Amino acid sequence: MSDFTSISSKEHSKRFAHFSSLVYMAQSDGVIDENEKAFLKPIAVKLGITEEEYNQLIQEPKKYPVEKTSDINKRLRRLFEMFQVIYANGIQDDLQRGIVYEYALELGFSKQYAEKVVDKSISLFSGQFTFHDYHSVISKE
């Protein structure tokens, strides 16, 4: 795979973008350690990320930075979709929570709002919610 645009299907492109964002955030401290790889690998498998794509992202995590937007609804949708992607394995420790928090910051949320939305999202994702339900709860304050 030579470029993001060479990924064939729209759905795979979306999954790839979410996964590349996780990888990008995992390397925010400059390195992807074994704990982060242990968090990322099962998600890659779940998303259908090929071994080649996975290795490329691990080798060049800055190649696909998080796409920012000033639209709050788009930010919330991206964060919601990210939670859908990763929550099957749950947010099990501070490392994983930190990666999601950094993703929220990278999307453009303020520090205070990012903390609040990540905490609320973790609580919400212990059950099944539609984006409408999620948006309604998160946007109330």
C-alpha atoms as a PDB file:
ATOM      1  CA  MET A   1       0.000   0.000   0.000  1.00  0.00           C
ATOM      2  CA  SER A   2       1.598   3.224  -1.082  1.00  0.00           C
ATOM      3  CA  ASP A   3      -0.964   5.801  -0.033  1.00  0.00           C
ATOM      4  CA  PHE A   4      -4.200   6.217   1.924  1.00  0.00           C
ATOM      5  CA  THR A   5      -6.079   6.823  -1.333  1.00  0.00           C
ATOM      6  CA  SER A   6      -5.129   3.364  -2.595  1.00  0.00           C
ATOM      7  CA  ILE A   7      -7.346   1.668  -0.022  1.00  0.00           C
ATOM      8  CA  SER A   8     -10.196   0.233  -2.016  1.00  0.00           C
ATOM      9  CA  SER A   9     -13.492   0.340  -0.147  1.00  0.00           C
ATOM     10  CA  LYS A  10     -15.060   3.318   1.572  1.00  0.00           C
ATOM     11  CA  GLU A  11     -15.795   1.275   4.692  1.00  0.00           C
ATOM     12  CA  HIS A  12     -12.238  -0.002   4.891  1.00  0.00           C
ATOM     13  CA  SER A  13     -10.995   3.561   4.388  1.00  0.00           C
ATOM     14  CA  LYS A  14     -13.098   4.670   7.343  1.00  0.00           C
ATOM     15  CA  ARG A  15     -11.803   1.818   9.535  1.00  0.00           C
ATOM     16  CA  PHE A  16      -8.251   2.538   8.390  1.00  0.00           C
ATOM     17  CA  ALA A  17      -8.641   6.232   9.257  1.00  0.00           C
ATOM     18  CA  HIS A  18      -9.869   5.388  12.758  1.00  0.00           C
ATOM     19  CA  PHE A  19      -7.084   2.910  13.305  1.00  0.00           C
ATOM     20  CA  SER A  20      -4.418   5.262  11.946  1.00  0.00           C
ATOM     21  CA  SER A  21      -5.696   7.909  14.374  1.00  0.00           C
ATOM     22  CA  LEU A  22      -5.240   5.496  17.268  1.00  0.00           C
ATOM     23  CA  VAL A  23      -1.715   4.689  16.109  1.00  0.00           C
ATOM     24  CA  TYR A  24      -0.960   8.382  15.684  1.00  0.00           C
ATOM     25  CA  MET A  25      -2.139   9.086  19.221  1.00  0.00           C
ATOM     26  CA  ALA A  26      -0.261   6.095  20.652  1.00  0.00           C
ATOM     27  CA  GLN A  27       2.989   7.589  19.361  1.00  0.00           C
ATOM     28  CA  SER A  28       2.262  11.055  20.762  1.00  0.00           C
ATOM     29  CA  ASP A  29       5.028  10.507  23.321  1.00  0.00           C
ATOM     30  CA  GLY A  30       7.434   9.651  20.488  1.00  0.00           C
ATOM     31  CA  VAL A  31       7.338   5.854  20.656  1.00  0.00           C
ATOM     32  CA  ILE A  32       4.810   3.020  20.424  1.00  0.00           C
ATOM     33  CA  ASP A  33       5.666   0.671  23.273  1.00  0.00           C
ATOM     34  CA  GLU A  34       4.678  -2.969  23.736  1.00  0.00           C
ATOM     35  CA  ASN A  35       1.637  -2.111  25.904  1.00  0.00           C
ATOM     36  CA  GLU A  36       0.348   0.195  23.194  1.00  0.00           C
ATOM     37  CA  LYS A  37       0.963  -2.456  20.534  1.00  0.00           C
ATOM     38  CA  ALA A  38      -0.929  -4.967  22.696  1.00  0.00           C
ATOM     39  CA  PHE A  39      -3.845  -2.511  22.744  1.00  0.00           C
ATOM     40  CA  LEU A  40      -3.630  -1.759  19.002  1.00  0.00           C
ATOM     41  CA  LYS A  41      -3.136  -5.220  17.482  1.00  0.00           C
ATOM     42  CA  PRO A  42      -6.547  -6.718  18.416  1.00  0.00           C
ATOM     43  CA  ILE A  43      -8.249  -3.561  17.177  1.00  0.00           C
ATOM     44  CA  ALA A  44      -6.392  -3.844  13.858  1.00  0.00           C
ATOM     45  CA  VAL A  45      -7.578  -7.430  13.478  1.00  0.00           C
ATOM     46  CA  LYS A  46     -11.151  -6.477  14.386  1.00  0.00           C
ATOM     47  CA  LEU A  47     -11.110  -3.680  11.796  1.00  0.00           C
ATOM     48  CA  GLY A  48      -9.671  -5.822   9.024  1.00  0.00           C
ATOM     49  CA  ILE A  49      -6.416  -3.877   8.881  1.00  0.00           C
ATOM     50  CA  THR A  50      -3.951  -6.003   6.928  1.00  0.00           C
ATOM     51  CA  GLU A  51      -0.588  -6.974   8.362  1.00  0.00           C
ATOM     52  CA  GLU A  52       1.054  -4.765   5.742  1.00  0.00           C
ATOM     53  CA  GLU A  53      -1.109  -1.770   6.705  1.00  0.00           C
ATOM     54  CA  TYR A  54      -0.512  -2.414  10.411  1.00  0.00           C
ATOM     55  CA  ASN A  55       3.261  -2.595   9.962  1.00  0.00           C
ATOM     56  CA  GLN A  56       3.304   0.535   7.825  1.00  0.00           C
ATOM     57  CA  LEU A  57       1.343   2.477  10.431  1.00  0.00           C
ATOM     58  CA  ILE A  58       3.549   1.256  13.272  1.00  0.00           C
ATOM     59  CA  GLN A  59       6.672   2.197  11.285  1.00  0.00           C
ATOM     60  CA  GLU A  60       5.350   5.586  10.136  1.00  0.00           C
ATOM     61  CA  PRO A  61       2.669   6.646  12.643  1.00  0.00           C
ATOM     62  CA  LYS A  62       2.880  10.324  11.692  1.00  0.00           C
ATOM     63  CA  LYS A  63       2.056   9.629   8.047  1.00  0.00           C
ATOM     64  CA  TYR A  64      -1.696   9.820   8.710  1.00  0.00           C
ATOM     65  CA  PRO A  65      -2.365  12.510  11.333  1.00  0.00           C
ATOM     66  CA  VAL A  66      -5.800  13.032  12.834  1.00  0.00           C
ATOM     67  CA  GLU A  67      -7.990  15.112  10.543  1.00  0.00           C
ATOM     68  CA  LYS A  68      -9.195  18.148  12.459  1.00  0.00           C
ATOM     69  CA  THR A  69     -12.519  19.888  12.015  1.00  0.00           C
ATOM     70  CA  SER A  70     -14.115  22.984  13.511  1.00  0.00           C
ATOM     71  CA  ASP A  71     -17.576  21.371  13.312  1.00  0.00           C
ATOM     72  CA  ILE A  72     -18.544  20.110  16.791  1.00  0.00           C
ATOM     73  CA  ASN A  73     -20.982  17.562  15.354  1.00  0.00           C
ATOM     74  CA  LYS A  74     -18.267  16.063  13.149  1.00  0.00           C
ATOM     75  CA  ARG A  75     -15.902  15.927  16.146  1.00  0.00           C
ATOM     76  CA  LEU A  76     -18.524  14.163  18.238  1.00  0.00           C
ATOM     77  CA  ARG A  77     -19.312  11.733  15.425  1.00  0.00           C
ATOM     78  CA  ARG A  78     -15.628  10.859  15.001  1.00  0.00           C
ATOM     79  CA  LEU A  79     -15.207  10.351  18.736  1.00  0.00           C
ATOM     80  CA  PHE A  80     -18.405   8.287  18.844  1.00  0.00           C
ATOM     81  CA  GLU A  81     -17.201   6.111  15.962  1.00  0.00           C
ATOM     82  CA  MET A  82     -13.834   5.704  17.665  1.00  0.00           C
ATOM     83  CA  PHE A  83     -15.565   4.443  20.784  1.00  0.00           C
ATOM     84  CA  GLN A  84     -17.551   2.008  18.658  1.00  0.00           C
ATOM     85  CA  VAL A  85     -14.280   0.769  17.180  1.00  0.00           C
ATOM     86  CA  ILE A  86     -12.423   0.237  20.422  1.00  0.00           C
ATOM     87  CA  TYR A  87     -15.074  -0.439  23.007  1.00  0.00           C
ATOM     88  CA  ALA A  88     -15.501  -4.135  22.177  1.00  0.00           C
ATOM     89  CA  ASN A  89     -12.263  -4.606  24.113  1.00  0.00           C
ATOM     90  CA  GLY A  90     -13.236  -1.915  26.614  1.00  0.00           C
ATOM     91  CA  ILE A  91     -11.167   0.899  28.025  1.00  0.00           C
ATOM     92  CA  GLN A  92      -9.205  -1.188  30.481  1.00  0.00           C
ATOM     93  CA  ASP A  93      -6.524   1.115  31.848  1.00  0.00           C
ATOM     94  CA  ASP A  94      -5.132   4.630  31.994  1.00  0.00           C
ATOM     95  CA  LEU A  95      -2.976   4.051  28.905  1.00  0.00           C
ATOM     96  CA  GLN A  96      -6.032   3.323  26.750  1.00  0.00           C
ATOM     97  CA  ARG A  97      -8.025   6.163  28.296  1.00  0.00           C
ATOM     98  CA  GLY A  98      -5.068   8.457  27.631  1.00  0.00           C
ATOM     99  CA  ILE A  99      -4.948   7.514  23.954  1.00  0.00           C
ATOM    100  CA  VAL A 100      -8.650   8.292  23.555  1.00  0.00           C
ATOM    101  CA  TYR A 101      -8.253  11.536  25.521  1.00  0.00           C
ATOM    102  CA  GLU A 102      -5.341  12.588  23.269  1.00  0.00           C
ATOM    103  CA  TYR A 103      -7.489  11.753  20.231  1.00  0.00           C
ATOM    104  CA  ALA A 104     -10.258  14.024  21.550  1.00  0.00           C
ATOM    105  CA  LEU A 105      -7.726  16.830  22.014  1.00  0.00           C
ATOM    106  CA  GLU A 106      -6.338  16.238  18.534  1.00  0.00           C
ATOM    107  CA  LEU A 107      -9.859  16.495  17.103  1.00  0.00           C
ATOM    108  CA  GLY A 108      -9.995  20.008  18.563  1.00  0.00           C
ATOM    109  CA  PHE A 109     -11.863  19.608  21.854  1.00  0.00           C
ATOM    110  CA  SER A 110     -10.671  21.775  24.745  1.00  0.00           C
ATOM    111  CA  LYS A 111      -8.876  19.948  27.577  1.00  0.00           C
ATOM    112  CA  GLN A 112     -11.814  20.373  29.947  1.00  0.00           C
ATOM    113  CA  TYR A 113     -14.414  19.249  27.408  1.00  0.00           C
ATOM    114  CA  ALA A 114     -12.242  16.370  26.173  1.00  0.00           C
ATOM    115  CA  GLU A 115     -11.956  15.004  29.694  1.00  0.00           C
ATOM    116  CA  LYS A 116     -15.685  15.322  30.255  1.00  0.00           C
ATOM    117  CA  VAL A 117     -16.687  13.781  26.916  1.00  0.00           C
ATOM    118  CA  VAL A 118     -14.249  10.872  27.261  1.00  0.00           C
ATOM    119  CA  ASP A 119     -15.416  10.096  30.803  1.00  0.00           C
ATOM    120  CA  LYS A 120     -19.076  10.283  29.790  1.00  0.00           C
ATOM    121  CA  SER A 121     -18.420   8.218  26.683  1.00  0.00           C
ATOM    122  CA  ILE A 122     -16.741   5.468  28.674  1.00  0.00           C
ATOM    123  CA  SER A 123     -19.798   5.380  30.923  1.00  0.00           C
ATOM    124  CA  LEU A 124     -22.206   5.356  27.993  1.00  0.00           C
ATOM    125  CA  PHE A 125     -20.358   2.695  26.056  1.00  0.00           C
ATOM    126  CA  SER A 126     -20.848   0.148  28.743  1.00  0.00           C
ATOM    127  CA  GLY A 127     -24.260  -0.164  26.997  1.00  0.00           C
ATOM    128  CA  GLN A 128     -25.509   0.209  23.416  1.00  0.00           C
ATOM    129  CA  PHE A 129     -26.448   3.683  22.203  1.00  0.00           C
ATOM    130  CA  THR A 130     -27.237   5.276  18.864  1.00  0.00           C
ATOM    131  CA  PHE A 131     -25.344   8.379  17.786  1.00  0.00           C
ATOM    132  CA  HIS A 132     -28.509  10.423  18.433  1.00  0.00           C
ATOM    133  CA  ASP A 133     -28.635   9.167  22.052  1.00  0.00           C
ATOM    134  CA  TYR A 134     -24.931   9.796  22.471  1.00  0.00           C
ATOM    135  CA  HIS A 135     -25.103  13.302  20.987  1.00  0.00           C
ATOM    136  CA  SER A 136     -28.091  14.219  23.155  1.00  0.00           C
ATOM    137  CA  VAL A 137     -26.371  13.168  26.375  1.00  0.00           C
ATOM    138  CA  ILE A 138     -22.979  14.663  25.559  1.00  0.00           C
ATOM    139  CA  SER A 139     -24.385  17.986  24.316  1.00  0.00           C
ATOM    140  CA  LYS A 140     -26.641  18.697  27.304  1.00  0.00           C
ATOM    141  CA  GLU A 141     -24.171  20.689  29.406  1.00  0.00           C
END
